[in-house]
Amino acid sequence: MKKYAKTHEWVLVEGNVATVGVSNYAQEHLGDIVYVELPEAGKEIKKGETVCTIESVKAASDVYAPLSGKIIEINEELDAAPETINSDAEGSGWIFKIELSDPAELDGLLDEEEYKKFCEEEEA
């Protein structure tokens, strides 16, 4: 089940592990991504904290933790190919995986329909 944060991260939860990346909407607004400052594996993060930064030709943008937990894996392929986020933001462009410390936080995220509506309202 994929969920979205209002800060434009997506989350795919499988068991107690969540894969996190930035949404297609976010990568479209960032433009061509040239660098991803990846977080450290093993780091404990809290929902809402800045986890890492994505740099594009337009600007730098923070990526926030949509859920609390421990980072257990990072997508090291983004070091060599940050543009993967542009080509497949919600697939192979994932940024990190976390082991959830509070699965109840999922209730605060949006489903795909709610997220689309949220993005449309942001554009208005």
PDB file of N, CA and C in Angstrom:
ATOM      1  N   MET A   1       0.841  -1.184   0.000  1.00  0.00           N
ATOM      2  CA  MET A   1       0.000   0.000   0.000  1.00  0.00           C
ATOM      3  C   MET A   1       0.889   1.250   0.000  1.00  0.00           C
ATOM      4  N   LYS A   2       0.684   2.099  -1.004  1.00  0.00           N
ATOM      5  CA  LYS A   2       1.471   3.324  -1.116  1.00  0.00           C
ATOM      6  C   LYS A   2       0.700   4.474  -0.487  1.00  0.00           C
ATOM      7  N   LYS A   3       1.413   5.266   0.318  1.00  0.00           N
ATOM      8  CA  LYS A   3       0.832   6.442   0.968  1.00  0.00           C
ATOM      9  C   LYS A   3       1.723   7.642   0.649  1.00  0.00           C
ATOM     10  N   TYR A   4       1.197   8.833   0.881  1.00  0.00           N
ATOM     11  CA  TYR A   4       1.923  10.063   0.567  1.00  0.00           C
ATOM     12  C   TYR A   4       1.872  11.035   1.742  1.00  0.00           C
ATOM     13  N   ALA A   5       2.961  11.802   1.881  1.00  0.00           N
ATOM     14  CA  ALA A   5       3.010  12.865   2.883  1.00  0.00           C
ATOM     15  C   ALA A   5       2.736  14.197   2.178  1.00  0.00           C
ATOM     16  N   LYS A   6       2.256  15.173   2.919  1.00  0.00           N
ATOM     17  CA  LYS A   6       1.994  16.496   2.340  1.00  0.00           C
ATOM     18  C   LYS A   6       3.291  17.212   1.972  1.00  0.00           C
ATOM     19  N   THR A   7       4.431  16.660   2.393  1.00  0.00           N
ATOM     20  CA  THR A   7       5.736  17.215   2.016  1.00  0.00           C
ATOM     21  C   THR A   7       6.269  16.518   0.762  1.00  0.00           C
ATOM     22  N   HIS A   8       5.407  15.734   0.098  1.00  0.00           N
ATOM     23  CA  HIS A   8       5.656  15.108  -1.212  1.00  0.00           C
ATOM     24  C   HIS A   8       6.604  13.916  -1.205  1.00  0.00           C
ATOM     25  N   GLU A   9       6.640  13.189  -0.090  1.00  0.00           N
ATOM     26  CA  GLU A   9       7.325  11.901  -0.076  1.00  0.00           C
ATOM     27  C   GLU A   9       6.280  10.801  -0.246  1.00  0.00           C
ATOM     28  N   TRP A  10       6.671   9.705  -0.869  1.00  0.00           N
ATOM     29  CA  TRP A  10       5.805   8.526  -0.922  1.00  0.00           C
ATOM     30  C   TRP A  10       6.403   7.451  -0.016  1.00  0.00           C
ATOM     31  N   VAL A  11       5.539   6.572   0.427  1.00  0.00           N
ATOM     32  CA  VAL A  11       5.921   5.500   1.345  1.00  0.00           C
ATOM     33  C   VAL A  11       5.251   4.213   0.870  1.00  0.00           C
ATOM     34  N   LEU A  12       6.031   3.167   0.745  1.00  0.00           N
ATOM     35  CA  LEU A  12       5.478   1.851   0.424  1.00  0.00           C
ATOM     36  C   LEU A  12       5.835   0.937   1.589  1.00  0.00           C
ATOM     37  N   VAL A  13       4.801   0.489   2.303  1.00  0.00           N
ATOM     38  CA  VAL A  13       5.028  -0.304   3.511  1.00  0.00           C
ATOM     39  C   VAL A  13       4.841  -1.784   3.221  1.00  0.00           C
ATOM     40  N   GLU A  14       5.841  -2.550   3.631  1.00  0.00           N
ATOM     41  CA  GLU A  14       5.772  -4.009   3.551  1.00  0.00           C
ATOM     42  C   GLU A  14       6.192  -4.534   4.915  1.00  0.00           C
ATOM     43  N   GLY A  15       5.220  -5.059   5.655  1.00  0.00           N
ATOM     44  CA  GLY A  15       5.496  -5.517   7.017  1.00  0.00           C
ATOM     45  C   GLY A  15       5.827  -4.331   7.904  1.00  0.00           C
ATOM     46  N   ASN A  16       7.027  -4.348   8.491  1.00  0.00           N
ATOM     47  CA  ASN A  16       7.458  -3.277   9.390  1.00  0.00           C
ATOM     48  C   ASN A  16       8.495  -2.364   8.724  1.00  0.00           C
ATOM     49  N   VAL A  17       8.634  -2.486   7.391  1.00  0.00           N
ATOM     50  CA  VAL A  17       9.630  -1.700   6.660  1.00  0.00           C
ATOM     51  C   VAL A  17       8.933  -0.809   5.639  1.00  0.00           C
ATOM     52  N   ALA A  18       9.352   0.448   5.600  1.00  0.00           N
ATOM     53  CA  ALA A  18       8.796   1.404   4.639  1.00  0.00           C
ATOM     54  C   ALA A  18       9.895   1.878   3.692  1.00  0.00           C
ATOM     55  N   THR A  19       9.615   1.787   2.391  1.00  0.00           N
ATOM     56  CA  THR A  19      10.490   2.349   1.380  1.00  0.00           C
ATOM     57  C   THR A  19      10.008   3.767   1.129  1.00  0.00           C
ATOM     58  N   VAL A  20      10.952   4.728   1.073  1.00  0.00           N
ATOM     59  CA  VAL A  20      10.587   6.143   0.961  1.00  0.00           C
ATOM     60  C   VAL A  20      11.292   6.783  -0.231  1.00  0.00           C
ATOM     61  N   GLY A  21      10.560   7.630  -0.940  1.00  0.00           N
ATOM     62  CA  GLY A  21      11.134   8.414  -2.032  1.00  0.00           C
ATOM     63  C   GLY A  21      10.323   9.689  -2.185  1.00  0.00           C
ATOM     64  N   VAL A  22      10.634  10.468  -3.217  1.00  0.00           N
ATOM     65  CA  VAL A  22       9.841  11.667  -3.490  1.00  0.00           C
ATOM     66  C   VAL A  22       8.848  11.353  -4.607  1.00  0.00           C
ATOM     67  N   SER A  23       7.713  12.010  -4.563  1.00  0.00           N
ATOM     68  CA  SER A  23       6.643  11.729  -5.524  1.00  0.00           C
ATOM     69  C   SER A  23       6.976  12.243  -6.920  1.00  0.00           C
ATOM     70  N   ASN A  24       6.227  11.740  -7.906  1.00  0.00           N
ATOM     71  CA  ASN A  24       6.362  12.240  -9.271  1.00  0.00           C
ATOM     72  C   ASN A  24       6.100  13.739  -9.315  1.00  0.00           C
ATOM     73  N   TYR A  25       5.099  14.172  -8.564  1.00  0.00           N
ATOM     74  CA  TYR A  25       4.767  15.601  -8.497  1.00  0.00           C
ATOM     75  C   TYR A  25       5.998  16.405  -8.058  1.00  0.00           C
ATOM     76  N   ALA A  26       6.683  15.915  -7.020  1.00  0.00           N
ATOM     77  CA  ALA A  26       7.853  16.623  -6.491  1.00  0.00           C
ATOM     78  C   ALA A  26       8.982  16.656  -7.515  1.00  0.00           C
ATOM     79  N   GLN A  27       9.283  15.519  -8.149  1.00  0.00           N
ATOM     80  CA  GLN A  27      10.403  15.506  -9.087  1.00  0.00           C
ATOM     81  C   GLN A  27      10.105  16.375 -10.303  1.00  0.00           C
ATOM     82  N   GLU A  28       8.837  16.452 -10.724  1.00  0.00           N
ATOM     83  CA  GLU A  28       8.478  17.325 -11.849  1.00  0.00           C
ATOM     84  C   GLU A  28       8.741  18.786 -11.498  1.00  0.00           C
ATOM     85  N   HIS A  29       8.451  19.167 -10.253  1.00  0.00           N
ATOM     86  CA  HIS A  29       8.663  20.550  -9.828  1.00  0.00           C
ATOM     87  C   HIS A  29      10.124  20.867  -9.559  1.00  0.00           C
ATOM     88  N   LEU A  30      10.902  19.846  -9.215  1.00  0.00           N
ATOM     89  CA  LEU A  30      12.336  20.057  -8.983  1.00  0.00           C
ATOM     90  C   LEU A  30      13.092  20.251 -10.294  1.00  0.00           C
ATOM     91  N   GLY A  31      12.670  19.565 -11.331  1.00  0.00           N
ATOM     92  CA  GLY A  31      13.407  19.603 -12.591  1.00  0.00           C
ATOM     93  C   GLY A  31      14.513  18.559 -12.578  1.00  0.00           C
ATOM     94  N   ASP A  32      15.526  18.766 -13.416  1.00  0.00           N
ATOM     95  CA  ASP A  32      16.592  17.771 -13.569  1.00  0.00           C
ATOM     96  C   ASP A  32      17.410  17.638 -12.292  1.00  0.00           C
ATOM     97  N   ILE A  33      17.360  16.460 -11.698  1.00  0.00           N
ATOM     98  CA  ILE A  33      18.071  16.198 -10.443  1.00  0.00           C
ATOM     99  C   ILE A  33      19.525  15.844 -10.745  1.00  0.00           C
ATOM    100  N   VAL A  34      20.434  16.549 -10.054  1.00  0.00           N
ATOM    101  CA  VAL A  34      21.865  16.362 -10.319  1.00  0.00           C
ATOM    102  C   VAL A  34      22.630  15.747  -9.144  1.00  0.00           C
ATOM    103  N   TYR A  35      22.023  15.750  -7.946  1.00  0.00           N
ATOM    104  CA  TYR A  35      22.736  15.223  -6.777  1.00  0.00           C
ATOM    105  C   TYR A  35      21.742  14.864  -5.679  1.00  0.00           C
ATOM    106  N   VAL A  36      22.005  13.758  -4.990  1.00  0.00           N
ATOM    107  CA  VAL A  36      21.210  13.375  -3.827  1.00  0.00           C
ATOM    108  C   VAL A  36      22.170  13.167  -2.665  1.00  0.00           C
ATOM    109  N   GLU A  37      21.960  13.940  -1.603  1.00  0.00           N
ATOM    110  CA  GLU A  37      22.745  13.748  -0.379  1.00  0.00           C
ATOM    111  C   GLU A  37      22.014  12.672   0.409  1.00  0.00           C
ATOM    112  N   LEU A  38      22.532  11.454   0.355  1.00  0.00           N
ATOM    113  CA  LEU A  38      21.852  10.325   0.976  1.00  0.00           C
ATOM    114  C   LEU A  38      22.019  10.337   2.496  1.00  0.00           C
ATOM    115  N   PRO A  39      21.019   9.849   3.211  1.00  0.00           N
ATOM    116  CA  PRO A  39      21.132   9.761   4.675  1.00  0.00           C
ATOM    117  C   PRO A  39      22.046   8.596   5.068  1.00  0.00           C
ATOM    118  N   GLU A  40      22.347   8.508   6.349  1.00  0.00           N
ATOM    119  CA  GLU A  40      23.188   7.422   6.862  1.00  0.00           C
ATOM    120  C   GLU A  40      22.334   6.242   7.283  1.00  0.00           C
ATOM    121  N   ALA A  41      22.745   5.044   6.869  1.00  0.00           N
ATOM    122  CA  ALA A  41      22.070   3.836   7.351  1.00  0.00           C
ATOM    123  C   ALA A  41      22.345   3.715   8.851  1.00  0.00           C
ATOM    124  N   GLY A  42      21.361   3.259   9.594  1.00  0.00           N
ATOM    125  CA  GLY A  42      21.507   3.097  11.039  1.00  0.00           C
ATOM    126  C   GLY A  42      21.011   4.287  11.840  1.00  0.00           C
ATOM    127  N   LYS A  43      20.744   5.406  11.164  1.00  0.00           N
ATOM    128  CA  LYS A  43      20.302   6.615  11.855  1.00  0.00           C
ATOM    129  C   LYS A  43      18.829   6.505  12.260  1.00  0.00           C
ATOM    130  N   GLU A  44      18.537   6.931  13.490  1.00  0.00           N
ATOM    131  CA  GLU A  44      17.144   7.005  13.963  1.00  0.00           C
ATOM    132  C   GLU A  44      16.557   8.341  13.498  1.00  0.00           C
ATOM    133  N   ILE A  45      15.363   8.289  12.927  1.00  0.00           N
ATOM    134  CA  ILE A  45      14.720   9.515  12.460  1.00  0.00           C
ATOM    135  C   ILE A  45      13.320   9.627  13.052  1.00  0.00           C
ATOM    136  N   LYS A  46      12.872  10.868  13.187  1.00  0.00           N
ATOM    137  CA  LYS A  46      11.531  11.131  13.697  1.00  0.00           C
ATOM    138  C   LYS A  46      10.704  11.757  12.580  1.00  0.00           C
ATOM    139  N   LYS A  47       9.439  11.428  12.565  1.00  0.00           N
ATOM    140  CA  LYS A  47       8.519  11.969  11.564  1.00  0.00           C
ATOM    141  C   LYS A  47       8.657  13.488  11.508  1.00  0.00           C
ATOM    142  N   GLY A  48       8.803  14.025  10.294  1.00  0.00           N
ATOM    143  CA  GLY A  48       8.899  15.468  10.103  1.00  0.00           C
ATOM    144  C   GLY A  48      10.315  16.004  10.040  1.00  0.00           C
ATOM    145  N   GLU A  49      11.303  15.205  10.454  1.00  0.00           N
ATOM    146  CA  GLU A  49      12.701  15.654  10.410  1.00  0.00           C
ATOM    147  C   GLU A  49      13.219  15.681   8.971  1.00  0.00           C
ATOM    148  N   THR A  50      14.171  16.570   8.710  1.00  0.00           N
ATOM    149  CA  THR A  50      14.869  16.552   7.425  1.00  0.00           C
ATOM    150  C   THR A  50      15.806  15.354   7.424  1.00  0.00           C
ATOM    151  N   VAL A  51      15.702  14.530   6.389  1.00  0.00           N
ATOM    152  CA  VAL A  51      16.509  13.312   6.311  1.00  0.00           C
ATOM    153  C   VAL A  51      17.669  13.486   5.337  1.00  0.00           C
ATOM    154  N   CYS A  52      17.395  14.148   4.216  1.00  0.00           N
ATOM    155  CA  CYS A  52      18.442  14.356   3.220  1.00  0.00           C
ATOM    156  C   CYS A  52      18.034  15.500   2.296  1.00  0.00           C
ATOM    157  N   THR A  53      18.891  15.784   1.320  1.00  0.00           N
ATOM    158  CA  THR A  53      18.646  16.880   0.393  1.00  0.00           C
ATOM    159  C   THR A  53      18.795  16.388  -1.039  1.00  0.00           C
ATOM    160  N   ILE A  54      17.935  16.890  -1.906  1.00  0.00           N
ATOM    161  CA  ILE A  54      18.019  16.614  -3.341  1.00  0.00           C
ATOM    162  C   ILE A  54      18.340  17.932  -4.019  1.00  0.00           C
ATOM    163  N   GLU A  55      19.340  17.909  -4.899  1.00  0.00           N
ATOM    164  CA  GLU A  55      19.692  19.114  -5.642  1.00  0.00           C
ATOM    165  C   GLU A  55      19.334  18.923  -7.110  1.00  0.00           C
ATOM    166  N   SER A  56      18.684  19.947  -7.661  1.00  0.00           N
ATOM    167  CA  SER A  56      18.351  19.940  -9.084  1.00  0.00           C
ATOM    168  C   SER A  56      18.999  21.159  -9.719  1.00  0.00           C
ATOM    169  N   VAL A  57      18.849  21.274 -11.028  1.00  0.00           N
ATOM    170  CA  VAL A  57      19.409  22.445 -11.695  1.00  0.00           C
ATOM    171  C   VAL A  57      18.698  23.717 -11.240  1.00  0.00           C
ATOM    172  N   LYS A  58      17.484  23.596 -10.714  1.00  0.00           N
ATOM    173  CA  LYS A  58      16.705  24.748 -10.246  1.00  0.00           C
ATOM    174  C   LYS A  58      17.000  25.126  -8.800  1.00  0.00           C
ATOM    175  N   ALA A  59      17.049  24.113  -7.908  1.00  0.00           N
ATOM    176  CA  ALA A  59      17.120  24.400  -6.472  1.00  0.00           C
ATOM    177  C   ALA A  59      17.510  23.164  -5.687  1.00  0.00           C
ATOM    178  N   ALA A  60      17.724  23.368  -4.399  1.00  0.00           N
ATOM    179  CA  ALA A  60      17.926  22.249  -3.472  1.00  0.00           C
ATOM    180  C   ALA A  60      16.641  22.100  -2.670  1.00  0.00           C
ATOM    181  N   SER A  61      16.268  20.869  -2.392  1.00  0.00           N
ATOM    182  CA  SER A  61      15.035  20.619  -1.665  1.00  0.00           C
ATOM    183  C   SER A  61      15.276  19.551  -0.606  1.00  0.00           C
ATOM    184  N   ASP A  62      14.722  19.791   0.583  1.00  0.00           N
ATOM    185  CA  ASP A  62      14.858  18.817   1.652  1.00  0.00           C
ATOM    186  C   ASP A  62      13.864  17.678   1.468  1.00  0.00           C
ATOM    187  N   VAL A  63      14.282  16.501   1.919  1.00  0.00           N
ATOM    188  CA  VAL A  63      13.395  15.341   1.973  1.00  0.00           C
ATOM    189  C   VAL A  63      13.142  15.088   3.462  1.00  0.00           C
ATOM    190  N   TYR A  64      11.870  14.990   3.821  1.00  0.00           N
ATOM    191  CA  TYR A  64      11.485  14.834   5.221  1.00  0.00           C
ATOM    192  C   TYR A  64      11.087  13.394   5.522  1.00  0.00           C
ATOM    193  N   ALA A  65      11.228  13.022   6.777  1.00  0.00           N
ATOM    194  CA  ALA A  65      10.823  11.683   7.208  1.00  0.00           C
ATOM    195  C   ALA A  65       9.298  11.646   7.313  1.00  0.00           C
ATOM    196  N   PRO A  66       8.635  10.834   6.482  1.00  0.00           N
ATOM    197  CA  PRO A  66       7.177  10.742   6.584  1.00  0.00           C
ATOM    198  C   PRO A  66       6.734   9.890   7.771  1.00  0.00           C
ATOM    199  N   LEU A  67       7.682   9.107   8.313  1.00  0.00           N
ATOM    200  CA  LEU A  67       7.412   8.220   9.440  1.00  0.00           C
ATOM    201  C   LEU A  67       8.655   8.149  10.326  1.00  0.00           C
ATOM    202  N   SER A  68       8.473   7.765  11.570  1.00  0.00           N
ATOM    203  CA  SER A  68       9.607   7.596  12.484  1.00  0.00           C
ATOM    204  C   SER A  68      10.153   6.179  12.380  1.00  0.00           C
ATOM    205  N   GLY A  69      11.452   6.045  12.613  1.00  0.00           N
ATOM    206  CA  GLY A  69      12.063   4.724  12.608  1.00  0.00           C
ATOM    207  C   GLY A  69      13.561   4.804  12.430  1.00  0.00           C
ATOM    208  N   LYS A  70      14.138   3.678  12.035  1.00  0.00           N
ATOM    209  CA  LYS A  70      15.579   3.570  11.853  1.00  0.00           C
ATOM    210  C   LYS A  70      15.861   3.299  10.376  1.00  0.00           C
ATOM    211  N   ILE A  71      16.757   4.090   9.795  1.00  0.00           N
ATOM    212  CA  ILE A  71      17.121   3.876   8.398  1.00  0.00           C
ATOM    213  C   ILE A  71      17.931   2.579   8.316  1.00  0.00           C
ATOM    214  N   ILE A  72      17.422   1.628   7.541  1.00  0.00           N
ATOM    215  CA  ILE A  72      18.097   0.331   7.454  1.00  0.00           C
ATOM    216  C   ILE A  72      18.763   0.111   6.098  1.00  0.00           C
ATOM    217  N   GLU A  73      18.423   0.941   5.113  1.00  0.00           N
ATOM    218  CA  GLU A  73      19.036   0.788   3.789  1.00  0.00           C
ATOM    219  C   GLU A  73      18.909   2.099   3.034  1.00  0.00           C
ATOM    220  N   ILE A  74      19.923   2.408   2.220  1.00  0.00           N
ATOM    221  CA  ILE A  74      19.850   3.575   1.342  1.00  0.00           C
ATOM    222  C   ILE A  74      20.066   3.116  -0.094  1.00  0.00           C
ATOM    223  N   ASN A  75      19.531   3.867  -1.028  1.00  0.00           N
ATOM    224  CA  ASN A  75      19.658   3.521  -2.444  1.00  0.00           C
ATOM    225  C   ASN A  75      20.966   4.122  -2.971  1.00  0.00           C
ATOM    226  N   GLU A  76      22.052   3.373  -2.829  1.00  0.00           N
ATOM    227  CA  GLU A  76      23.373   3.865  -3.206  1.00  0.00           C
ATOM    228  C   GLU A  76      23.511   4.103  -4.711  1.00  0.00           C
ATOM    229  N   GLU A  77      22.623   3.531  -5.508  1.00  0.00           N
ATOM    230  CA  GLU A  77      22.670   3.759  -6.958  1.00  0.00           C
ATOM    231  C   GLU A  77      22.433   5.228  -7.293  1.00  0.00           C
ATOM    232  N   LEU A  78      21.789   5.964  -6.383  1.00  0.00           N
ATOM    233  CA  LEU A  78      21.517   7.380  -6.633  1.00  0.00           C
ATOM    234  C   LEU A  78      22.793   8.217  -6.598  1.00  0.00           C
ATOM    235  N   ASP A  79      23.862   7.701  -5.957  1.00  0.00           N
ATOM    236  CA  ASP A  79      25.152   8.405  -5.968  1.00  0.00           C
ATOM    237  C   ASP A  79      25.641   8.589  -7.400  1.00  0.00           C
ATOM    238  N   ALA A  80      25.574   7.521  -8.176  1.00  0.00           N
ATOM    239  CA  ALA A  80      26.060   7.548  -9.555  1.00  0.00           C
ATOM    240  C   ALA A  80      25.006   8.030 -10.545  1.00  0.00           C
ATOM    241  N   ALA A  81      23.732   7.835 -10.192  1.00  0.00           N
ATOM    242  CA  ALA A  81      22.660   8.163 -11.141  1.00  0.00           C
ATOM    243  C   ALA A  81      21.482   8.852 -10.436  1.00  0.00           C
ATOM    244  N   PRO A  82      21.697  10.096  -9.942  1.00  0.00           N
ATOM    245  CA  PRO A  82      20.601  10.801  -9.248  1.00  0.00           C
ATOM    246  C   PRO A  82      19.392  11.044 -10.152  1.00  0.00           C
ATOM    247  N   GLU A  83      19.619  11.067 -11.465  1.00  0.00           N
ATOM    248  CA  GLU A  83      18.531  11.311 -12.416  1.00  0.00           C
ATOM    249  C   GLU A  83      17.507  10.174 -12.430  1.00  0.00           C
ATOM    250  N   THR A  84      17.829   9.055 -11.774  1.00  0.00           N
ATOM    251  CA  THR A  84      16.866   7.955 -11.646  1.00  0.00           C
ATOM    252  C   THR A  84      15.584   8.460 -10.994  1.00  0.00           C
ATOM    253  N   ILE A  85      15.702   9.436 -10.110  1.00  0.00           N
ATOM    254  CA  ILE A  85      14.507  10.002  -9.466  1.00  0.00           C
ATOM    255  C   ILE A  85      13.615  10.655 -10.514  1.00  0.00           C
ATOM    256  N   ASN A  86      14.210  11.314 -11.515  1.00  0.00           N
ATOM    257  CA  ASN A  86      13.401  11.922 -12.571  1.00  0.00           C
ATOM    258  C   ASN A  86      12.708  10.869 -13.428  1.00  0.00           C
ATOM    259  N   SER A  87      13.419   9.783 -13.738  1.00  0.00           N
ATOM    260  CA  SER A  87      12.855   8.788 -14.651  1.00  0.00           C
ATOM    261  C   SER A  87      11.919   7.796 -13.967  1.00  0.00           C
ATOM    262  N   ASP A  88      12.112   7.547 -12.659  1.00  0.00           N
ATOM    263  CA  ASP A  88      11.286   6.556 -11.964  1.00  0.00           C
ATOM    264  C   ASP A  88      11.181   6.896 -10.476  1.00  0.00           C
ATOM    265  N   ALA A  89      10.624   8.082 -10.192  1.00  0.00           N
ATOM    266  CA  ALA A  89      10.568   8.593  -8.813  1.00  0.00           C
ATOM    267  C   ALA A  89       9.897   7.633  -7.848  1.00  0.00           C
ATOM    268  N   GLU A  90       8.838   6.980  -8.307  1.00  0.00           N
ATOM    269  CA  GLU A  90       8.070   6.141  -7.395  1.00  0.00           C
ATOM    270  C   GLU A  90       8.373   4.652  -7.587  1.00  0.00           C
ATOM    271  N   GLY A  91       9.574   4.374  -8.099  1.00  0.00           N
ATOM    272  CA  GLY A  91      10.012   2.995  -8.290  1.00  0.00           C
ATOM    273  C   GLY A  91      11.482   2.887  -7.933  1.00  0.00           C
ATOM    274  N   SER A  92      12.335   2.713  -8.957  1.00  0.00           N
ATOM    275  CA  SER A  92      13.769   2.526  -8.711  1.00  0.00           C
ATOM    276  C   SER A  92      14.452   3.788  -8.189  1.00  0.00           C
ATOM    277  N   GLY A  93      13.735   4.918  -8.144  1.00  0.00           N
ATOM    278  CA  GLY A  93      14.278   6.162  -7.599  1.00  0.00           C
ATOM    279  C   GLY A  93      14.041   6.316  -6.104  1.00  0.00           C
ATOM    280  N   TRP A  94      13.693   5.226  -5.428  1.00  0.00           N
ATOM    281  CA  TRP A  94      13.510   5.295  -3.963  1.00  0.00           C
ATOM    282  C   TRP A  94      14.804   5.788  -3.325  1.00  0.00           C
ATOM    283  N   ILE A  95      14.689   6.389  -2.126  1.00  0.00           N
ATOM    284  CA  ILE A  95      15.861   6.994  -1.485  1.00  0.00           C
ATOM    285  C   ILE A  95      16.349   6.183  -0.289  1.00  0.00           C
ATOM    286  N   PHE A  96      15.442   5.788   0.603  1.00  0.00           N
ATOM    287  CA  PHE A  96      15.867   5.014   1.778  1.00  0.00           C
ATOM    288  C   PHE A  96      14.734   4.134   2.282  1.00  0.00           C
ATOM    289  N   LYS A  97      15.109   3.165   3.121  1.00  0.00           N
ATOM    290  CA  LYS A  97      14.131   2.284   3.754  1.00  0.00           C
ATOM    291  C   LYS A  97      14.284   2.429   5.261  1.00  0.00           C
ATOM    292  N   ILE A  98      13.144   2.454   5.943  1.00  0.00           N
ATOM    293  CA  ILE A  98      13.186   2.554   7.404  1.00  0.00           C
ATOM    294  C   ILE A  98      12.391   1.417   8.041  1.00  0.00           C
ATOM    295  N   GLU A  99      12.892   1.006   9.194  1.00  0.00           N
ATOM    296  CA  GLU A  99      12.172   0.071  10.040  1.00  0.00           C
ATOM    297  C   GLU A  99      11.292   0.937  10.931  1.00  0.00           C
ATOM    298  N   LEU A 100       9.999   0.741  10.847  1.00  0.00           N
ATOM    299  CA  LEU A 100       9.058   1.619  11.547  1.00  0.00           C
ATOM    300  C   LEU A 100       9.110   1.441  13.057  1.00  0.00           C
ATOM    301  N   SER A 101       9.087   2.564  13.766  1.00  0.00           N
ATOM    302  CA  SER A 101       9.023   2.500  15.226  1.00  0.00           C
ATOM    303  C   SER A 101       7.601   2.763  15.719  1.00  0.00           C
ATOM    304  N   ASP A 102       6.756   3.387  14.859  1.00  0.00           N
ATOM    305  CA  ASP A 102       5.373   3.678  15.248  1.00  0.00           C
ATOM    306  C   ASP A 102       4.452   3.542  14.033  1.00  0.00           C
ATOM    307  N   PRO A 103       4.033   2.300  13.711  1.00  0.00           N
ATOM    308  CA  PRO A 103       3.180   2.083  12.531  1.00  0.00           C
ATOM    309  C   PRO A 103       1.891   2.907  12.546  1.00  0.00           C
ATOM    310  N   ALA A 104       1.446   3.366  13.705  1.00  0.00           N
ATOM    311  CA  ALA A 104       0.223   4.175  13.788  1.00  0.00           C
ATOM    312  C   ALA A 104       0.376   5.494  13.026  1.00  0.00           C
ATOM    313  N   GLU A 105       1.625   5.942  12.812  1.00  0.00           N
ATOM    314  CA  GLU A 105       1.850   7.194  12.068  1.00  0.00           C
ATOM    315  C   GLU A 105       1.359   7.091  10.621  1.00  0.00           C
ATOM    316  N   LEU A 106       1.212   5.886  10.112  1.00  0.00           N
ATOM    317  CA  LEU A 106       0.696   5.699   8.748  1.00  0.00           C
ATOM    318  C   LEU A 106      -0.676   6.333   8.582  1.00  0.00           C
ATOM    319  N   ASP A 107      -1.448   6.376   9.663  1.00  0.00           N
ATOM    320  CA  ASP A 107      -2.796   6.942   9.599  1.00  0.00           C
ATOM    321  C   ASP A 107      -2.787   8.416   9.223  1.00  0.00           C
ATOM    322  N   GLY A 108      -1.665   9.107   9.435  1.00  0.00           N
ATOM    323  CA  GLY A 108      -1.576  10.524   9.122  1.00  0.00           C
ATOM    324  C   GLY A 108      -1.186  10.818   7.681  1.00  0.00           C
ATOM    325  N   LEU A 109      -0.937   9.765   6.904  1.00  0.00           N
ATOM    326  CA  LEU A 109      -0.538   9.955   5.506  1.00  0.00           C
ATOM    327  C   LEU A 109      -1.751   9.881   4.588  1.00  0.00           C
ATOM    328  N   LEU A 110      -1.573  10.361   3.366  1.00  0.00           N
ATOM    329  CA  LEU A 110      -2.659  10.410   2.389  1.00  0.00           C
ATOM    330  C   LEU A 110      -2.609   9.198   1.467  1.00  0.00           C
ATOM    331  N   ASP A 111      -3.778   8.734   1.013  1.00  0.00           N
ATOM    332  CA  ASP A 111      -3.774   7.713  -0.034  1.00  0.00           C
ATOM    333  C   ASP A 111      -3.607   8.426  -1.384  1.00  0.00           C
ATOM    334  N   GLU A 112      -3.535   7.667  -2.452  1.00  0.00           N
ATOM    335  CA  GLU A 112      -3.238   8.260  -3.763  1.00  0.00           C
ATOM    336  C   GLU A 112      -4.266   9.309  -4.187  1.00  0.00           C
ATOM    337  N   GLU A 113      -5.546   9.021  -3.985  1.00  0.00           N
ATOM    338  CA  GLU A 113      -6.597   9.976  -4.362  1.00  0.00           C
ATOM    339  C   GLU A 113      -6.500  11.262  -3.545  1.00  0.00           C
ATOM    340  N   GLU A 114      -6.308  11.115  -2.235  1.00  0.00           N
ATOM    341  CA  GLU A 114      -6.192  12.294  -1.364  1.00  0.00           C
ATOM    342  C   GLU A 114      -4.971  13.128  -1.761  1.00  0.00           C
ATOM    343  N   TYR A 115      -3.881  12.445  -2.118  1.00  0.00           N
ATOM    344  CA  TYR A 115      -2.656  13.150  -2.494  1.00  0.00           C
ATOM    345  C   TYR A 115      -2.852  13.913  -3.806  1.00  0.00           C
ATOM    346  N   LYS A 116      -3.501  13.281  -4.778  1.00  0.00           N
ATOM    347  CA  LYS A 116      -3.767  13.969  -6.059  1.00  0.00           C
ATOM    348  C   LYS A 116      -4.575  15.239  -5.815  1.00  0.00           C
ATOM    349  N   LYS A 117      -5.601  15.127  -4.972  1.00  0.00           N
ATOM    350  CA  LYS A 117      -6.442  16.277  -4.645  1.00  0.00           C
ATOM    351  C   LYS A 117      -5.610  17.361  -3.952  1.00  0.00           C
ATOM    352  N   PHE A 118      -4.747  16.953  -3.021  1.00  0.00           N
ATOM    353  CA  PHE A 118      -3.876  17.886  -2.313  1.00  0.00           C
ATOM    354  C   PHE A 118      -2.986  18.641  -3.308  1.00  0.00           C
ATOM    355  N   CYS A 119      -2.401  17.924  -4.266  1.00  0.00           N
ATOM    356  CA  CYS A 119      -1.524  18.562  -5.269  1.00  0.00           C
ATOM    357  C   CYS A 119      -2.302  19.523  -6.147  1.00  0.00           C
ATOM    358  N   GLU A 120      -3.516  19.149  -6.531  1.00  0.00           N
ATOM    359  CA  GLU A 120      -4.367  20.037  -7.348  1.00  0.00           C
ATOM    360  C   GLU A 120      -4.671  21.321  -6.589  1.00  0.00           C
ATOM    361  N   GLU A 121      -4.924  21.198  -5.281  1.00  0.00           N
ATOM    362  CA  GLU A 121      -5.214  22.383  -4.476  1.00  0.00           C
ATOM    363  C   GLU A 121      -3.980  23.268  -4.341  1.00  0.00           C
ATOM    364  N   GLU A 122      -2.795  22.648  -4.284  1.00  0.00           N
ATOM    365  CA  GLU A 122      -1.551  23.428  -4.208  1.00  0.00           C
ATOM    366  C   GLU A 122      -1.328  24.236  -5.479  1.00  0.00           C
ATOM    367  N   GLU A 123      -1.756  23.670  -6.610  1.00  0.00           N
ATOM    368  CA  GLU A 123      -1.559  24.327  -7.906  1.00  0.00           C
ATOM    369  C   GLU A 123      -2.531  25.508  -8.067  1.00  0.00           C
ATOM    370  N   ALA A 124      -3.682  25.419  -7.417  1.00  0.00           N
ATOM    371  CA  ALA A 124      -4.728  26.437  -7.608  1.00  0.00           C
ATOM    372  C   ALA A 124      -4.325  27.794  -7.045  1.00  0.00           C
TER     373      ALA A 124
END
